[in-house]
Amino acid sequence: MLAIRLDADTANRLDRLAKKTGRTKTFYAREAILEHLGDLEDIYLATQRLQRPAKTFSAEDVKHELGL
């Protein structure tokens, strides 16, 4: 179960869309979350990575390590 607060304009738009299409407001809320959840996860992971960057190696270092 999830409860969200929407500003009046957004709530009205969602209500109108649901009524026009015969679908529930829950359907559209779920669709919006699913559509954007992957992007939000990617942003979070990228931000975390930028705060703690991994060690990098030059091409020469890699060649030397691999004996090339």
PDB file of N, CA and C in Angstrom:
ATOM      1  N   MET A   1       0.850  -1.174   0.000  1.00  0.00           N
ATOM      2  CA  MET A   1       0.000   0.000   0.000  1.00  0.00           C
ATOM      3  C   MET A   1       0.891   1.231   0.000  1.00  0.00           C
ATOM      4  N   LEU A   2       0.507   2.211  -0.763  1.00  0.00           N
ATOM      5  CA  LEU A   2       1.260   3.452  -0.894  1.00  0.00           C
ATOM      6  C   LEU A   2       0.282   4.607  -0.949  1.00  0.00           C
ATOM      7  N   ALA A   3       0.560   5.641  -0.195  1.00  0.00           N
ATOM      8  CA  ALA A   3      -0.264   6.852  -0.247  1.00  0.00           C
ATOM      9  C   ALA A   3       0.640   7.999  -0.675  1.00  0.00           C
ATOM     10  N   ILE A   4       0.163   8.801  -1.627  1.00  0.00           N
ATOM     11  CA  ILE A   4       0.947   9.951  -2.068  1.00  0.00           C
ATOM     12  C   ILE A   4       0.068  11.194  -2.045  1.00  0.00           C
ATOM     13  N   ARG A   5       0.707  12.318  -1.791  1.00  0.00           N
ATOM     14  CA  ARG A   5      -0.003  13.596  -1.821  1.00  0.00           C
ATOM     15  C   ARG A   5       0.359  14.289  -3.124  1.00  0.00           C
ATOM     16  N   LEU A   6      -0.647  14.757  -3.817  1.00  0.00           N
ATOM     17  CA  LEU A   6      -0.454  15.488  -5.066  1.00  0.00           C
ATOM     18  C   LEU A   6      -1.018  16.892  -4.919  1.00  0.00           C
ATOM     19  N   ASP A   7      -0.405  17.838  -5.601  1.00  0.00           N
ATOM     20  CA  ASP A   7      -0.988  19.172  -5.603  1.00  0.00           C
ATOM     21  C   ASP A   7      -2.322  19.092  -6.341  1.00  0.00           C
ATOM     22  N   ALA A   8      -3.168  20.076  -6.120  1.00  0.00           N
ATOM     23  CA  ALA A   8      -4.537  20.052  -6.653  1.00  0.00           C
ATOM     24  C   ALA A   8      -4.560  19.924  -8.171  1.00  0.00           C
ATOM     25  N   ASP A   9      -3.677  20.637  -8.867  1.00  0.00           N
ATOM     26  CA  ASP A   9      -3.668  20.585 -10.329  1.00  0.00           C
ATOM     27  C   ASP A   9      -3.334  19.178 -10.831  1.00  0.00           C
ATOM     28  N   THR A  10      -2.318  18.579 -10.251  1.00  0.00           N
ATOM     29  CA  THR A  10      -1.925  17.227 -10.673  1.00  0.00           C
ATOM     30  C   THR A  10      -3.020  16.220 -10.340  1.00  0.00           C
ATOM     31  N   ALA A  11      -3.611  16.348  -9.165  1.00  0.00           N
ATOM     32  CA  ALA A  11      -4.689  15.440  -8.772  1.00  0.00           C
ATOM     33  C   ALA A  11      -5.881  15.571  -9.721  1.00  0.00           C
ATOM     34  N   ASN A  12      -6.208  16.792 -10.115  1.00  0.00           N
ATOM     35  CA  ASN A  12      -7.316  17.007 -11.048  1.00  0.00           C
ATOM     36  C   ASN A  12      -7.013  16.428 -12.422  1.00  0.00           C
ATOM     37  N   ARG A  13      -5.789  16.625 -12.892  1.00  0.00           N
ATOM     38  CA  ARG A  13      -5.406  16.066 -14.190  1.00  0.00           C
ATOM     39  C   ARG A  13      -5.506  14.544 -14.173  1.00  0.00           C
ATOM     40  N   LEU A  14      -5.016  13.946 -13.087  1.00  0.00           N
ATOM     41  CA  LEU A  14      -5.056  12.488 -12.957  1.00  0.00           C
ATOM     42  C   LEU A  14      -6.502  11.999 -12.906  1.00  0.00           C
ATOM     43  N   ASP A  15      -7.326  12.697 -12.170  1.00  0.00           N
ATOM     44  CA  ASP A  15      -8.736  12.326 -12.066  1.00  0.00           C
ATOM     45  C   ASP A  15      -9.438  12.413 -13.423  1.00  0.00           C
ATOM     46  N   ARG A  16      -9.191  13.505 -14.161  1.00  0.00           N
ATOM     47  CA  ARG A  16      -9.801  13.660 -15.499  1.00  0.00           C
ATOM     48  C   ARG A  16      -9.352  12.547 -16.443  1.00  0.00           C
ATOM     49  N   LEU A  17      -8.049  12.239 -16.434  1.00  0.00           N
ATOM     50  CA  LEU A  17      -7.542  11.183 -17.302  1.00  0.00           C
ATOM     51  C   LEU A  17      -8.193   9.847 -16.971  1.00  0.00           C
ATOM     52  N   ALA A  18      -8.279   9.543 -15.697  1.00  0.00           N
ATOM     53  CA  ALA A  18      -8.889   8.272 -15.279  1.00  0.00           C
ATOM     54  C   ALA A  18     -10.346   8.196 -15.730  1.00  0.00           C
ATOM     55  N   LYS A  19     -11.075   9.282 -15.563  1.00  0.00           N
ATOM     56  CA  LYS A  19     -12.486   9.286 -15.964  1.00  0.00           C
ATOM     57  C   LYS A  19     -12.649   9.166 -17.474  1.00  0.00           C
ATOM     58  N   LYS A  20     -11.803   9.866 -18.224  1.00  0.00           N
ATOM     59  CA  LYS A  20     -11.895   9.830 -19.689  1.00  0.00           C
ATOM     60  C   LYS A  20     -11.563   8.455 -20.257  1.00  0.00           C
ATOM     61  N   THR A  21     -10.658   7.753 -19.615  1.00  0.00           N
ATOM     62  CA  THR A  21     -10.179   6.476 -20.166  1.00  0.00           C
ATOM     63  C   THR A  21     -10.821   5.254 -19.530  1.00  0.00           C
ATOM     64  N   GLY A  22     -11.517   5.452 -18.417  1.00  0.00           N
ATOM     65  CA  GLY A  22     -12.128   4.312 -17.736  1.00  0.00           C
ATOM     66  C   GLY A  22     -11.126   3.495 -16.936  1.00  0.00           C
ATOM     67  N   ARG A  23      -9.952   4.011 -16.756  1.00  0.00           N
ATOM     68  CA  ARG A  23      -8.942   3.337 -15.934  1.00  0.00           C
ATOM     69  C   ARG A  23      -8.900   4.018 -14.568  1.00  0.00           C
ATOM     70  N   THR A  24      -8.240   3.363 -13.623  1.00  0.00           N
ATOM     71  CA  THR A  24      -8.164   3.936 -12.278  1.00  0.00           C
ATOM     72  C   THR A  24      -6.975   4.878 -12.149  1.00  0.00           C
ATOM     73  N   LYS A  25      -7.071   5.756 -11.156  1.00  0.00           N
ATOM     74  CA  LYS A  25      -5.934   6.625 -10.856  1.00  0.00           C
ATOM     75  C   LYS A  25      -4.742   5.780 -10.416  1.00  0.00           C
ATOM     76  N   THR A  26      -5.008   4.691  -9.724  1.00  0.00           N
ATOM     77  CA  THR A  26      -3.941   3.778  -9.294  1.00  0.00           C
ATOM     78  C   THR A  26      -3.199   3.204 -10.492  1.00  0.00           C
ATOM     79  N   PHE A  27      -3.930   2.864 -11.541  1.00  0.00           N
ATOM     80  CA  PHE A  27      -3.296   2.342 -12.745  1.00  0.00           C
ATOM     81  C   PHE A  27      -2.271   3.338 -13.271  1.00  0.00           C
ATOM     82  N   TYR A  28      -2.683   4.609 -13.394  1.00  0.00           N
ATOM     83  CA  TYR A  28      -1.779   5.604 -13.954  1.00  0.00           C
ATOM     84  C   TYR A  28      -0.619   5.926 -13.009  1.00  0.00           C
ATOM     85  N   ALA A  29      -0.861   5.918 -11.725  1.00  0.00           N
ATOM     86  CA  ALA A  29       0.230   6.137 -10.763  1.00  0.00           C
ATOM     87  C   ALA A  29       1.250   5.008 -10.873  1.00  0.00           C
ATOM     88  N   ARG A  30       0.753   3.776 -10.970  1.00  0.00           N
ATOM     89  CA  ARG A  30       1.654   2.621 -11.107  1.00  0.00           C
ATOM     90  C   ARG A  30       2.455   2.713 -12.401  1.00  0.00           C
ATOM     91  N   GLU A  31       1.789   3.061 -13.495  1.00  0.00           N
ATOM     92  CA  GLU A  31       2.476   3.184 -14.786  1.00  0.00           C
ATOM     93  C   GLU A  31       3.578   4.254 -14.732  1.00  0.00           C
ATOM     94  N   ALA A  32       3.274   5.383 -14.111  1.00  0.00           N
ATOM     95  CA  ALA A  32       4.258   6.462 -14.014  1.00  0.00           C
ATOM     96  C   ALA A  32       5.460   6.023 -13.186  1.00  0.00           C
ATOM     97  N   ILE A  33       5.212   5.345 -12.085  1.00  0.00           N
ATOM     98  CA  ILE A  33       6.313   4.869 -11.245  1.00  0.00           C
ATOM     99  C   ILE A  33       7.161   3.862 -12.002  1.00  0.00           C
ATOM    100  N   LEU A  34       6.540   2.904 -12.635  1.00  0.00           N
ATOM    101  CA  LEU A  34       7.290   1.884 -13.367  1.00  0.00           C
ATOM    102  C   LEU A  34       8.101   2.494 -14.509  1.00  0.00           C
ATOM    103  N   GLU A  35       7.531   3.499 -15.162  1.00  0.00           N
ATOM    104  CA  GLU A  35       8.216   4.151 -16.282  1.00  0.00           C
ATOM    105  C   GLU A  35       9.492   4.858 -15.835  1.00  0.00           C
ATOM    106  N   HIS A  36       9.481   5.419 -14.636  1.00  0.00           N
ATOM    107  CA  HIS A  36      10.591   6.259 -14.205  1.00  0.00           C
ATOM    108  C   HIS A  36      11.481   5.651 -13.125  1.00  0.00           C
ATOM    109  N   LEU A  37      11.081   4.545 -12.548  1.00  0.00           N
ATOM    110  CA  LEU A  37      11.843   3.954 -11.452  1.00  0.00           C
ATOM    111  C   LEU A  37      13.258   3.563 -11.880  1.00  0.00           C
ATOM    112  N   GLY A  38      13.403   2.972 -13.044  1.00  0.00           N
ATOM    113  CA  GLY A  38      14.726   2.581 -13.536  1.00  0.00           C
ATOM    114  C   GLY A  38      15.640   3.785 -13.699  1.00  0.00           C
ATOM    115  N   ASP A  39      15.097   4.881 -14.233  1.00  0.00           N
ATOM    116  CA  ASP A  39      15.896   6.106 -14.387  1.00  0.00           C
ATOM    117  C   ASP A  39      16.339   6.640 -13.033  1.00  0.00           C
ATOM    118  N   LEU A  40      15.430   6.640 -12.062  1.00  0.00           N
ATOM    119  CA  LEU A  40      15.769   7.141 -10.731  1.00  0.00           C
ATOM    120  C   LEU A  40      16.830   6.268 -10.069  1.00  0.00           C
ATOM    121  N   GLU A  41      16.730   4.955 -10.257  1.00  0.00           N
ATOM    122  CA  GLU A  41      17.757   4.052  -9.716  1.00  0.00           C
ATOM    123  C   GLU A  41      19.109   4.330 -10.363  1.00  0.00           C
ATOM    124  N   ASP A  42      19.111   4.532 -11.674  1.00  0.00           N
ATOM    125  CA  ASP A  42      20.363   4.833 -12.387  1.00  0.00           C
ATOM    126  C   ASP A  42      20.985   6.130 -11.892  1.00  0.00           C
ATOM    127  N   ILE A  43      20.154   7.151 -11.684  1.00  0.00           N
ATOM    128  CA  ILE A  43      20.655   8.435 -11.191  1.00  0.00           C
ATOM    129  C   ILE A  43      21.276   8.260  -9.805  1.00  0.00           C
ATOM    130  N   TYR A  44      20.609   7.518  -8.953  1.00  0.00           N
ATOM    131  CA  TYR A  44      21.129   7.278  -7.605  1.00  0.00           C
ATOM    132  C   TYR A  44      22.474   6.563  -7.673  1.00  0.00           C
ATOM    133  N   LEU A  45      22.565   5.509  -8.467  1.00  0.00           N
ATOM    134  CA  LEU A  45      23.821   4.762  -8.573  1.00  0.00           C
ATOM    135  C   LEU A  45      24.939   5.614  -9.157  1.00  0.00           C
ATOM    136  N   ALA A  46      24.620   6.420 -10.160  1.00  0.00           N
ATOM    137  CA  ALA A  46      25.637   7.290 -10.756  1.00  0.00           C
ATOM    138  C   ALA A  46      26.123   8.319  -9.740  1.00  0.00           C
ATOM    139  N   THR A  47      25.216   8.877  -8.980  1.00  0.00           N
ATOM    140  CA  THR A  47      25.597   9.849  -7.951  1.00  0.00           C
ATOM    141  C   THR A  47      26.489   9.204  -6.905  1.00  0.00           C
ATOM    142  N   GLN A  48      26.134   8.006  -6.484  1.00  0.00           N
ATOM    143  CA  GLN A  48      26.963   7.284  -5.510  1.00  0.00           C
ATOM    144  C   GLN A  48      28.354   7.027  -6.072  1.00  0.00           C
ATOM    145  N   ARG A  49      28.427   6.628  -7.317  1.00  0.00           N
ATOM    146  CA  ARG A  49      29.707   6.321  -7.957  1.00  0.00           C
ATOM    147  C   ARG A  49      30.570   7.571  -8.069  1.00  0.00           C
ATOM    148  N   LEU A  50      29.965   8.698  -8.374  1.00  0.00           N
ATOM    149  CA  LEU A  50      30.710   9.951  -8.486  1.00  0.00           C
ATOM    150  C   LEU A  50      31.272  10.400  -7.134  1.00  0.00           C
ATOM    151  N   GLN A  51      30.583  10.046  -6.073  1.00  0.00           N
ATOM    152  CA  GLN A  51      31.062  10.415  -4.745  1.00  0.00           C
ATOM    153  C   GLN A  51      32.230   9.543  -4.305  1.00  0.00           C
ATOM    154  N   ARG A  52      32.294   8.323  -4.822  1.00  0.00           N
ATOM    155  CA  ARG A  52      33.389   7.408  -4.495  1.00  0.00           C
ATOM    156  C   ARG A  52      33.882   6.749  -5.779  1.00  0.00           C
ATOM    157  N   PRO A  53      34.629   7.483  -6.589  1.00  0.00           N
ATOM    158  CA  PRO A  53      35.075   6.919  -7.867  1.00  0.00           C
ATOM    159  C   PRO A  53      36.015   5.726  -7.676  1.00  0.00           C
ATOM    160  N   ALA A  54      35.925   4.792  -8.589  1.00  0.00           N
ATOM    161  CA  ALA A  54      36.790   3.616  -8.566  1.00  0.00           C
ATOM    162  C   ALA A  54      38.172   3.991  -9.094  1.00  0.00           C
ATOM    163  N   LYS A  55      39.155   3.187  -8.752  1.00  0.00           N
ATOM    164  CA  LYS A  55      40.505   3.416  -9.247  1.00  0.00           C
ATOM    165  C   LYS A  55      40.526   3.166 -10.754  1.00  0.00           C
ATOM    166  N   THR A  56      41.250   4.009 -11.459  1.00  0.00           N
ATOM    167  CA  THR A  56      41.363   3.837 -12.907  1.00  0.00           C
ATOM    168  C   THR A  56      42.786   3.446 -13.268  1.00  0.00           C
ATOM    169  N   PHE A  57      42.939   2.825 -14.419  1.00  0.00           N
ATOM    170  CA  PHE A  57      44.230   2.356 -14.903  1.00  0.00           C
ATOM    171  C   PHE A  57      44.436   2.856 -16.321  1.00  0.00           C
ATOM    172  N   SER A  58      45.632   3.242 -16.633  1.00  0.00           N
ATOM    173  CA  SER A  58      45.937   3.675 -17.995  1.00  0.00           C
ATOM    174  C   SER A  58      46.031   2.453 -18.897  1.00  0.00           C
ATOM    175  N   ALA A  59      45.947   2.686 -20.188  1.00  0.00           N
ATOM    176  CA  ALA A  59      46.091   1.592 -21.149  1.00  0.00           C
ATOM    177  C   ALA A  59      47.472   0.953 -21.012  1.00  0.00           C
ATOM    178  N   GLU A  60      48.476   1.767 -20.784  1.00  0.00           N
ATOM    179  CA  GLU A  60      49.838   1.235 -20.614  1.00  0.00           C
ATOM    180  C   GLU A  60      49.936   0.335 -19.387  1.00  0.00           C
ATOM    181  N   ASP A  61      49.321   0.733 -18.292  1.00  0.00           N
ATOM    182  CA  ASP A  61      49.320  -0.097 -17.082  1.00  0.00           C
ATOM    183  C   ASP A  61      48.661  -1.454 -17.351  1.00  0.00           C
ATOM    184  N   VAL A  62      47.530  -1.433 -18.069  1.00  0.00           N
ATOM    185  CA  VAL A  62      46.822  -2.668 -18.369  1.00  0.00           C
ATOM    186  C   VAL A  62      47.667  -3.552 -19.282  1.00  0.00           C
ATOM    187  N   LYS A  63      48.266  -2.976 -20.300  1.00  0.00           N
ATOM    188  CA  LYS A  63      49.128  -3.748 -21.209  1.00  0.00           C
ATOM    189  C   LYS A  63      50.279  -4.386 -20.445  1.00  0.00           C
ATOM    190  N   HIS A  64      50.879  -3.611 -19.568  1.00  0.00           N
ATOM    191  CA  HIS A  64      52.003  -4.124 -18.791  1.00  0.00           C
ATOM    192  C   HIS A  64      51.541  -5.272 -17.875  1.00  0.00           C
ATOM    193  N   GLU A  65      50.421  -5.075 -17.204  1.00  0.00           N
ATOM    194  CA  GLU A  65      49.892  -6.107 -16.306  1.00  0.00           C
ATOM    195  C   GLU A  65      49.560  -7.398 -17.045  1.00  0.00           C
ATOM    196  N   LEU A  66      49.094  -7.265 -18.305  1.00  0.00           N
ATOM    197  CA  LEU A  66      48.731  -8.436 -19.101  1.00  0.00           C
ATOM    198  C   LEU A  66      49.913  -8.983 -19.901  1.00  0.00           C
ATOM    199  N   GLY A  67      51.042  -8.327 -19.818  1.00  0.00           N
ATOM    200  CA  GLY A  67      52.225  -8.791 -20.541  1.00  0.00           C
ATOM    201  C   GLY A  67      52.132  -8.567 -22.040  1.00  0.00           C
ATOM    202  N   LEU A  68      51.474  -7.511 -22.432  1.00  0.00           N
ATOM    203  CA  LEU A  68      51.319  -7.235 -23.871  1.00  0.00           C
ATOM    204  C   LEU A  68      52.348  -6.224 -24.350  1.00  0.00           C
TER     205      LEU A  68
END
